[in-house]
Structure formats: structure tokens, C-alpha cells
N, C-alpha and C. Protein backbone atom coordinates (compact mmCIF):
# COMPACT_ATOMS: atom_id res chain seq x y z
N UNK A 1 -4.62 6.59 -27.89
CA UNK A 1 -4.33 6.20 -26.53
C UNK A 1 -3.73 6.88 -25.64
N UNK A 2 -3.95 7.06 -24.49
CA UNK A 2 -3.14 7.83 -23.41
C UNK A 2 -3.15 6.63 -22.00
N UNK A 3 -1.55 6.31 -22.12
CA UNK A 3 -1.28 5.21 -21.11
C UNK A 3 -0.56 5.92 -19.96
N UNK A 4 -1.26 5.67 -18.63
CA UNK A 4 -0.56 6.26 -17.44
C UNK A 4 -0.42 4.84 -16.55
N UNK A 5 0.47 5.16 -15.63
CA UNK A 5 0.93 4.39 -14.65
C UNK A 5 0.06 4.39 -13.36
N UNK A 6 -0.41 3.39 -12.83
CA UNK A 6 -1.14 3.48 -11.64
C UNK A 6 -0.72 2.75 -10.42
N UNK A 7 -0.79 3.09 -9.39
CA UNK A 7 -0.34 2.78 -7.89
C UNK A 7 -1.39 2.90 -6.94
N UNK A 8 -2.15 1.56 -6.99
CA UNK A 8 -3.35 1.47 -6.06
C UNK A 8 -2.89 0.83 -4.50
N UNK A 9 -3.41 1.73 -3.50
CA UNK A 9 -2.74 1.41 -2.24
C UNK A 9 -4.24 1.81 -1.27
N UNK A 10 -3.95 0.70 -0.14
CA UNK A 10 -5.16 1.12 0.94
C UNK A 10 -4.14 1.68 1.90
N UNK A 11 -4.52 2.90 2.54
CA UNK A 11 -4.20 3.34 3.64
C UNK A 11 -4.90 3.14 4.85
N UNK A 12 -4.37 2.64 5.89
CA UNK A 12 -5.00 2.44 7.16
C UNK A 12 -5.26 3.79 7.63
N UNK A 13 -6.63 3.92 8.47
CA UNK A 13 -6.83 5.05 9.26
C UNK A 13 -6.23 4.69 10.61
N UNK A 14 -6.23 5.81 11.27
CA UNK A 14 -5.84 5.75 12.55
C UNK A 14 -6.95 5.00 13.48
N UNK A 15 -6.33 4.26 14.42
CA UNK A 15 -4.87 4.37 15.20
C UNK A 15 -4.18 3.57 14.32
N UNK A 16 -4.21 2.63 13.52
CA UNK A 16 -3.46 1.57 12.65
C UNK A 16 -2.46 2.50 12.08
N UNK A 17 -2.57 3.31 11.31
CA UNK A 17 -1.80 4.16 10.73
C UNK A 17 -0.55 4.83 11.74
N UNK A 18 -0.85 5.24 12.91
CA UNK A 18 -0.16 6.05 13.92
C UNK A 18 0.81 4.71 14.43
N UNK A 19 0.15 3.68 14.97
CA UNK A 19 0.76 2.39 15.34
C UNK A 19 1.85 1.85 14.32
N UNK A 20 1.56 1.96 13.22
CA UNK A 20 2.44 1.21 12.25
C UNK A 20 3.66 2.21 12.13
N UNK A 21 3.42 3.71 12.10
CA UNK A 21 4.40 4.57 12.11
C UNK A 21 5.23 4.70 13.20
N UNK A 22 4.85 4.54 14.57
CA UNK A 22 5.76 4.45 15.74
C UNK A 22 6.45 2.80 15.68
N UNK A 23 5.98 1.76 15.13
CA UNK A 23 6.88 0.69 14.75
C UNK A 23 7.97 0.97 14.18
N UNK A 24 7.69 1.34 12.86
CA UNK A 24 8.82 2.14 11.66
C UNK A 24 9.89 2.87 12.14
N UNK A 25 9.12 3.91 13.21
CA UNK A 25 10.50 4.52 14.19
C UNK A 25 11.21 3.57 14.79
N UNK A 26 10.79 2.89 15.63
CA UNK A 26 11.49 1.82 16.34
C UNK A 26 12.41 0.96 15.64
N UNK A 27 11.94 0.50 14.61
CA UNK A 27 12.49 -0.14 13.52
C UNK A 27 13.97 0.38 13.03
N UNK A 28 13.55 1.87 12.45
CA UNK A 28 14.71 2.46 12.15
C UNK A 28 16.03 2.74 13.40
N UNK A 29 15.21 3.01 14.57
CA UNK A 29 16.21 3.36 15.79
C UNK A 29 16.80 1.99 16.14
N UNK A 30 16.38 0.73 15.73
CA UNK A 30 17.24 -0.31 16.26
C UNK A 30 18.01 -0.86 15.07
N UNK A 31 17.62 -0.75 13.71
CA UNK A 31 18.33 -1.40 12.75
C UNK A 31 18.94 -0.41 11.76
N UNK A 32 18.54 0.99 11.95
CA UNK A 32 18.94 1.88 11.08
C UNK A 32 18.09 2.07 10.09
N UNK A 33 18.43 3.17 9.19
CA UNK A 33 17.35 3.41 8.21
C UNK A 33 17.79 2.61 6.87
N UNK A 34 16.70 1.90 6.51
CA UNK A 34 16.80 1.20 5.40
C UNK A 34 15.81 1.50 4.16
N UNK A 35 15.97 0.97 3.11
CA UNK A 35 15.47 1.69 1.74
C UNK A 35 13.80 1.22 2.21
N UNK A 36 12.88 2.21 2.16
CA UNK A 36 11.45 2.11 2.28
C UNK A 36 11.12 2.18 3.62
N UNK A 37 11.86 2.12 4.66
CA UNK A 37 11.41 2.35 5.97
C UNK A 37 10.94 3.45 6.29
N UNK A 38 10.82 4.38 5.49
CA UNK A 38 9.95 5.76 6.05
C UNK A 38 8.90 5.89 5.31
N UNK A 39 8.72 4.92 4.33
CA UNK A 39 7.25 4.77 3.49
C UNK A 39 6.13 5.05 4.41
N UNK A 40 5.14 5.53 3.86
CA UNK A 40 4.00 5.83 4.63
C UNK A 40 3.19 4.43 4.73
N UNK A 41 2.57 4.10 5.76
CA UNK A 41 1.89 2.64 6.07
C UNK A 41 0.77 2.65 4.98
N UNK A 42 1.02 1.24 4.18
CA UNK A 42 0.18 1.07 3.26
C UNK A 42 -0.02 -0.18 2.78
N UNK A 43 -0.91 -0.59 2.17
CA UNK A 43 -1.19 -2.12 1.43
C UNK A 43 -1.19 -1.97 -0.12
N UNK A 44 -0.38 -2.21 -0.76
CA UNK A 44 -0.28 -1.95 -2.19
C UNK A 44 -1.03 -3.10 -2.89
N UNK A 45 -2.29 -2.66 -3.55
CA UNK A 45 -3.26 -3.27 -4.25
C UNK A 45 -2.74 -3.87 -5.63
N UNK A 46 -1.84 -2.94 -6.48
CA UNK A 46 -1.46 -3.19 -7.74
C UNK A 46 -0.82 -1.90 -8.18
N UNK A 47 0.11 -2.04 -9.19
CA UNK A 47 1.00 -1.26 -9.85
C UNK A 47 0.78 -1.61 -11.51
N UNK A 48 0.44 -1.03 -12.24
CA UNK A 48 -0.04 -1.31 -13.70
C UNK A 48 -0.25 -0.31 -14.39
N UNK A 49 0.15 -0.40 -16.00
CA UNK A 49 -0.06 0.85 -16.76
C UNK A 49 -1.57 0.36 -17.37
N UNK A 50 -2.32 1.45 -17.76
CA UNK A 50 -3.76 1.23 -18.33
C UNK A 50 -3.97 2.60 -19.28
N UNK A 51 -4.94 2.14 -20.01
CA UNK A 51 -5.31 3.30 -20.82
C UNK A 51 -6.07 4.13 -20.16
N UNK A 52 -6.32 5.59 -19.97
CA UNK A 52 -7.29 6.27 -19.30
C UNK A 52 -8.70 6.04 -19.82
N UNK A 53 -8.71 5.54 -21.10
CA UNK A 53 -9.96 5.36 -21.72
C UNK A 53 -10.84 4.39 -20.79
N UNK A 54 -10.12 3.43 -19.97
CA UNK A 54 -10.92 2.56 -18.59
C UNK A 54 -10.67 3.37 -17.54
N UNK A 55 -10.36 4.43 -16.99
CA UNK A 55 -10.28 4.62 -16.04
C UNK A 55 -11.85 4.87 -15.14
N UNK A 56 -12.74 5.28 -15.80
CA UNK A 56 -13.99 5.35 -15.56
C UNK A 56 -14.26 3.95 -14.94
N UNK A 57 -14.14 2.84 -15.51
CA UNK A 57 -14.46 1.64 -15.08
C UNK A 57 -13.70 1.20 -13.79
N UNK A 58 -12.47 1.61 -13.54
CA UNK A 58 -11.64 1.55 -12.65
C UNK A 58 -12.07 2.21 -11.26
N UNK A 59 -12.42 3.53 -11.56
CA UNK A 59 -13.09 4.24 -10.43
C UNK A 59 -14.46 3.72 -9.84
N UNK A 60 -15.32 3.22 -10.72
CA UNK A 60 -16.44 2.84 -10.58
C UNK A 60 -16.18 1.21 -9.38
N UNK A 61 -15.12 0.71 -10.08
CA UNK A 61 -14.85 -0.71 -9.36
C UNK A 61 -14.34 -0.26 -7.85
N UNK A 62 -13.49 0.63 -7.78
CA UNK A 62 -12.61 1.04 -6.54
C UNK A 62 -13.93 1.62 -5.57
N UNK A 63 -14.77 2.38 -6.27
CA UNK A 63 -16.04 3.00 -5.26
C UNK A 63 -16.42 2.13 -4.75
N UNK A 64 -16.94 0.71 -5.39
CA UNK A 64 -17.43 -0.27 -5.23
C UNK A 64 -16.92 -0.94 -3.77
N UNK A 65 -15.37 -1.24 -4.10
CA UNK A 65 -14.76 -1.54 -2.82
C UNK A 65 -14.79 -0.75 -1.58
N UNK A 66 -14.61 0.59 -1.78
CA UNK A 66 -14.50 1.71 -0.78
C UNK A 66 -15.56 1.53 0.29
N UNK A 67 -16.77 0.64 -0.13
CA UNK A 67 -17.88 0.75 0.77
C UNK A 67 -17.49 -0.38 1.78
N UNK A 68 -16.68 -1.13 1.84
CA UNK A 68 -16.15 -1.90 2.77
C UNK A 68 -15.22 -0.85 3.71
N UNK A 69 -15.66 -0.65 5.04
CA UNK A 69 -15.01 0.25 5.76
C UNK A 69 -13.96 -0.58 6.74
N UNK A 70 -14.26 -2.06 7.20
CA UNK A 70 -13.48 -2.63 8.32
C UNK A 70 -13.26 -3.99 7.73
N UNK A 71 -12.11 -4.08 7.85
CA UNK A 71 -11.53 -5.61 7.47
C UNK A 71 -10.27 -5.85 8.39
N UNK A 72 -10.28 -7.28 8.72
CA UNK A 72 -9.09 -7.50 9.63
C UNK A 72 -7.88 -8.11 8.83
N UNK A 73 -6.76 -8.19 9.13
CA UNK A 73 -5.64 -8.32 8.62
C UNK A 73 -4.58 -9.04 9.73
N UNK A 74 -3.99 -9.99 9.56
CA UNK A 74 -3.23 -11.03 10.61
C UNK A 74 -1.76 -11.05 9.83
N UNK A 75 -0.74 -10.81 10.58
CA UNK A 75 0.33 -11.22 10.16
C UNK A 75 0.72 -12.67 10.28
N UNK A 76 1.02 -13.52 9.45
CA UNK A 76 1.46 -14.87 9.83
C UNK A 76 2.82 -15.25 9.61
N UNK A 77 3.68 -14.38 8.94
CA UNK A 77 4.89 -14.67 8.62
C UNK A 77 5.81 -13.40 8.10
N UNK A 78 7.01 -13.77 7.65
CA UNK A 78 7.66 -12.71 6.95
C UNK A 78 8.31 -13.42 5.77
N UNK A 79 8.62 -12.81 4.66
CA UNK A 79 9.09 -13.20 3.47
C UNK A 79 9.50 -12.06 2.70
N UNK A 80 10.29 -12.39 1.53
CA UNK A 80 10.82 -11.40 0.61
C UNK A 80 10.29 -11.45 -0.63
N UNK A 81 10.40 -10.36 -1.56
CA UNK A 81 9.84 -10.34 -2.65
C UNK A 81 10.98 -10.93 -3.53
N UNK A 82 10.88 -11.94 -4.21
CA UNK A 82 11.88 -12.47 -5.31
C UNK A 82 12.56 -11.29 -6.03
N UNK A 83 11.50 -10.27 -6.69
CA UNK A 83 12.08 -9.36 -7.48
C UNK A 83 12.46 -8.12 -6.97
N UNK A 84 12.44 -7.89 -5.53
CA UNK A 84 12.91 -6.73 -4.77
C UNK A 84 14.31 -6.44 -5.10
N UNK A 85 14.69 -5.05 -5.29
CA UNK A 85 16.10 -4.76 -5.44
C UNK A 85 16.37 -4.25 -4.26
N UNK A 86 15.79 -4.25 -3.12
CA UNK A 86 16.10 -3.59 -1.90
C UNK A 86 16.78 -4.64 -0.79
């Protein structure tokens, strides 16, 4: 077995990416440099360990998902991760 750690993320295209970066810059200027405030804009899909023997299946599944070029996202509030150390 060859176990690797996977961190799956959706990275938004321009102009969303650039707008989020500008918002993060304003946030840093207003509230200071906080943990993760300089991270690249993304939506985390998952963080897990998996045997590389199954990687072909993962790639096939993600390739099918990548056919969806457009989706809408709406912020409806803010909360915290209970397991967050930040």
C-alpha cells in the first residue's frame, strides 16, 4: 500500500479569483494579517488519506465533475469551524 494525503480544492476563475484577492487585501489592511488571510482563493472539497491504487478512480470522478464549468454560490452567513486552531 502507498498512502498519500489528498487536498481537493476548487479554485475560482477570473474575475472571481481577483475579486476575492482584492477583498482579502482590504481585510488584511483593516483587521491585520491573520492566519490564512493570505491563502489563495479556493473552496476545499476534501482533505483525506487514500491508497494510491484508487487514484485512477478519483481522477475519473473528478474529471466528470470538471465538466461543470459554471455554478452559483451565495454567502448566507458566517460561522467558525469547531475544530479550527486559528
